Amino acid sequence: MQPKQADKVATGVLYTIAVIITGILASLLLYILVQGLPHVSWHFLTSPASTFEAGGGIGIQLFNSFYLLILAMLISIPLALGAGIYLSEYAKKTGLPM
């Protein structure tokens, strides 16, 4: 088999595997959304979790997730902005091609 043919076959196999994996992930996500969205309500999103009872919510966990998200953004955005300004304005220009 010629190298070009082998490359085309390998590329086709990899694309096929990628499409299959993406299809499996999309079908799992769709199944979870179809089964779960009817049960989502304002009470479920805002009430605290029940330890040994059905019908608890995710209010505290949702609050903690947003709290960590905002805290991480408060730390990372100024650092990233400062790094970008430093690299574009003050860092030495190297001879490396872009």
C-alpha atoms as a PDB file:
ATOM      1  CA  MET A   1       0.000   0.000   0.000  1.00  0.00           C
ATOM      2  CA  GLN A   2       1.264   3.429  -0.927  1.00  0.00           C
ATOM      3  CA  PRO A   3       1.933   5.952   1.859  1.00  0.00           C
ATOM      4  CA  LYS A   4      -0.755   8.316   0.557  1.00  0.00           C
ATOM      5  CA  GLN A   5      -3.321   5.525   0.537  1.00  0.00           C
ATOM      6  CA  ALA A   6      -2.323   4.447   4.045  1.00  0.00           C
ATOM      7  CA  ASP A   7      -2.637   8.042   5.213  1.00  0.00           C
ATOM      8  CA  LYS A   8      -6.126   8.365   3.712  1.00  0.00           C
ATOM      9  CA  VAL A   9      -7.228   5.063   5.265  1.00  0.00           C
ATOM     10  CA  ALA A  10      -5.867   6.038   8.690  1.00  0.00           C
ATOM     11  CA  THR A  11      -7.469   9.475   8.448  1.00  0.00           C
ATOM     12  CA  GLY A  12     -10.793   7.907   7.503  1.00  0.00           C
ATOM     13  CA  VAL A  13     -10.615   5.453  10.397  1.00  0.00           C
ATOM     14  CA  LEU A  14      -9.789   8.238  12.872  1.00  0.00           C
ATOM     15  CA  TYR A  15     -12.611  10.442  11.577  1.00  0.00           C
ATOM     16  CA  THR A  16     -15.015   7.512  11.829  1.00  0.00           C
ATOM     17  CA  ILE A  17     -13.976   6.825  15.435  1.00  0.00           C
ATOM     18  CA  ALA A  18     -14.325  10.537  16.276  1.00  0.00           C
ATOM     19  CA  VAL A  19     -17.824  10.648  14.787  1.00  0.00           C
ATOM     20  CA  ILE A  20     -18.858   7.509  16.695  1.00  0.00           C
ATOM     21  CA  ILE A  21     -17.546   8.864  20.019  1.00  0.00           C
ATOM     22  CA  THR A  22     -19.186  12.238  19.424  1.00  0.00           C
ATOM     23  CA  GLY A  23     -22.467  10.487  18.613  1.00  0.00           C
ATOM     24  CA  ILE A  24     -22.289   8.419  21.799  1.00  0.00           C
ATOM     25  CA  LEU A  25     -21.597  11.518  23.914  1.00  0.00           C
ATOM     26  CA  ALA A  26     -24.385  13.481  22.228  1.00  0.00           C
ATOM     27  CA  SER A  27     -26.863  10.640  22.731  1.00  0.00           C
ATOM     28  CA  LEU A  28     -25.934  10.359  26.426  1.00  0.00           C
ATOM     29  CA  LEU A  29     -26.346  14.107  26.901  1.00  0.00           C
ATOM     30  CA  LEU A  30     -29.688  14.059  25.088  1.00  0.00           C
ATOM     31  CA  TYR A  31     -30.897  11.120  27.206  1.00  0.00           C
ATOM     32  CA  ILE A  32     -29.911  12.900  30.429  1.00  0.00           C
ATOM     33  CA  LEU A  33     -31.644  16.111  29.335  1.00  0.00           C
ATOM     34  CA  VAL A  34     -34.831  14.338  28.210  1.00  0.00           C
ATOM     35  CA  GLN A  35     -35.062  12.354  31.443  1.00  0.00           C
ATOM     36  CA  GLY A  36     -33.976  15.152  33.796  1.00  0.00           C
ATOM     37  CA  LEU A  37     -35.459  18.432  32.546  1.00  0.00           C
ATOM     38  CA  PRO A  38     -39.056  17.579  33.546  1.00  0.00           C
ATOM     39  CA  HIS A  39     -37.878  17.274  37.164  1.00  0.00           C
ATOM     40  CA  VAL A  40     -36.054  20.624  37.338  1.00  0.00           C
ATOM     41  CA  SER A  41     -38.034  23.287  39.171  1.00  0.00           C
ATOM     42  CA  TRP A  42     -37.346  26.465  41.100  1.00  0.00           C
ATOM     43  CA  HIS A  43     -37.796  24.557  44.360  1.00  0.00           C
ATOM     44  CA  PHE A  44     -35.223  21.956  43.266  1.00  0.00           C
ATOM     45  CA  LEU A  45     -32.703  24.658  42.312  1.00  0.00           C
ATOM     46  CA  THR A  46     -33.036  26.703  45.509  1.00  0.00           C
ATOM     47  CA  SER A  47     -33.821  24.290  48.350  1.00  0.00           C
ATOM     48  CA  PRO A  48     -31.117  22.536  50.375  1.00  0.00           C
ATOM     49  CA  ALA A  49     -30.419  18.850  49.931  1.00  0.00           C
ATOM     50  CA  SER A  50     -32.290  16.311  52.022  1.00  0.00           C
ATOM     51  CA  THR A  51     -30.132  13.678  53.657  1.00  0.00           C
ATOM     52  CA  PHE A  52     -32.408  10.641  53.747  1.00  0.00           C
ATOM     53  CA  GLU A  53     -35.515  11.870  51.959  1.00  0.00           C
ATOM     54  CA  ALA A  54     -36.583  12.177  48.353  1.00  0.00           C
ATOM     55  CA  GLY A  55     -37.352  15.627  47.035  1.00  0.00           C
ATOM     56  CA  GLY A  56     -34.292  17.527  48.189  1.00  0.00           C
ATOM     57  CA  GLY A  57     -32.680  20.257  46.170  1.00  0.00           C
ATOM     58  CA  ILE A  58     -29.278  21.440  45.024  1.00  0.00           C
ATOM     59  CA  GLY A  59     -29.391  25.021  46.293  1.00  0.00           C
ATOM     60  CA  ILE A  60     -26.276  24.910  48.478  1.00  0.00           C
ATOM     61  CA  GLN A  61     -24.239  22.987  45.916  1.00  0.00           C
ATOM     62  CA  LEU A  62     -25.290  25.384  43.158  1.00  0.00           C
ATOM     63  CA  PHE A  63     -24.347  28.389  45.306  1.00  0.00           C
ATOM     64  CA  ASN A  64     -20.933  26.872  46.102  1.00  0.00           C
ATOM     65  CA  SER A  65     -20.279  26.183  42.421  1.00  0.00           C
ATOM     66  CA  PHE A  66     -21.008  29.787  41.457  1.00  0.00           C
ATOM     67  CA  TYR A  67     -19.000  31.038  44.453  1.00  0.00           C
ATOM     68  CA  LEU A  68     -15.929  29.072  43.340  1.00  0.00           C
ATOM     69  CA  LEU A  69     -16.424  30.193  39.739  1.00  0.00           C
ATOM     70  CA  ILE A  70     -16.517  33.866  40.718  1.00  0.00           C
ATOM     71  CA  LEU A  71     -13.565  33.471  43.094  1.00  0.00           C
ATOM     72  CA  ALA A  72     -11.481  31.784  40.389  1.00  0.00           C
ATOM     73  CA  MET A  73     -12.398  34.523  37.903  1.00  0.00           C
ATOM     74  CA  LEU A  74     -11.462  37.249  40.392  1.00  0.00           C
ATOM     75  CA  ILE A  75      -8.019  35.684  40.718  1.00  0.00           C
ATOM     76  CA  SER A  76      -7.355  34.630  37.124  1.00  0.00           C
ATOM     77  CA  ILE A  77      -8.677  37.585  35.094  1.00  0.00           C
ATOM     78  CA  PRO A  78      -6.305  40.211  36.572  1.00  0.00           C
ATOM     79  CA  LEU A  79      -3.370  37.796  36.279  1.00  0.00           C
ATOM     80  CA  ALA A  80      -4.175  36.967  32.661  1.00  0.00           C
ATOM     81  CA  LEU A  81      -4.745  40.614  31.789  1.00  0.00           C
ATOM     82  CA  GLY A  82      -1.454  41.597  33.423  1.00  0.00           C
ATOM     83  CA  ALA A  83       0.398  38.798  31.634  1.00  0.00           C
ATOM     84  CA  GLY A  84      -1.085  39.833  28.295  1.00  0.00           C
ATOM     85  CA  ILE A  85      -0.174  43.486  28.801  1.00  0.00           C
ATOM     86  CA  TYR A  86       3.339  42.561  29.895  1.00  0.00           C
ATOM     87  CA  LEU A  87       3.901  40.238  26.941  1.00  0.00           C
ATOM     88  CA  SER A  88       2.584  42.687  24.370  1.00  0.00           C
ATOM     89  CA  GLU A  89       4.170  45.865  25.724  1.00  0.00           C
ATOM     90  CA  TYR A  90       7.249  45.095  27.814  1.00  0.00           C
ATOM     91  CA  ALA A  91       8.627  41.650  26.978  1.00  0.00           C
ATOM     92  CA  LYS A  92      11.620  41.416  24.680  1.00  0.00           C
ATOM     93  CA  LYS A  93      10.823  40.518  21.124  1.00  0.00           C
ATOM     94  CA  THR A  94      12.514  37.267  20.159  1.00  0.00           C
ATOM     95  CA  GLY A  95      13.456  36.101  16.715  1.00  0.00           C
ATOM     96  CA  LEU A  96      11.044  33.175  16.852  1.00  0.00           C
ATOM     97  CA  PRO A  97       8.562  32.998  13.969  1.00  0.00           C
ATOM     98  CA  MET A  98       4.914  33.054  14.828  1.00  0.00           C
END
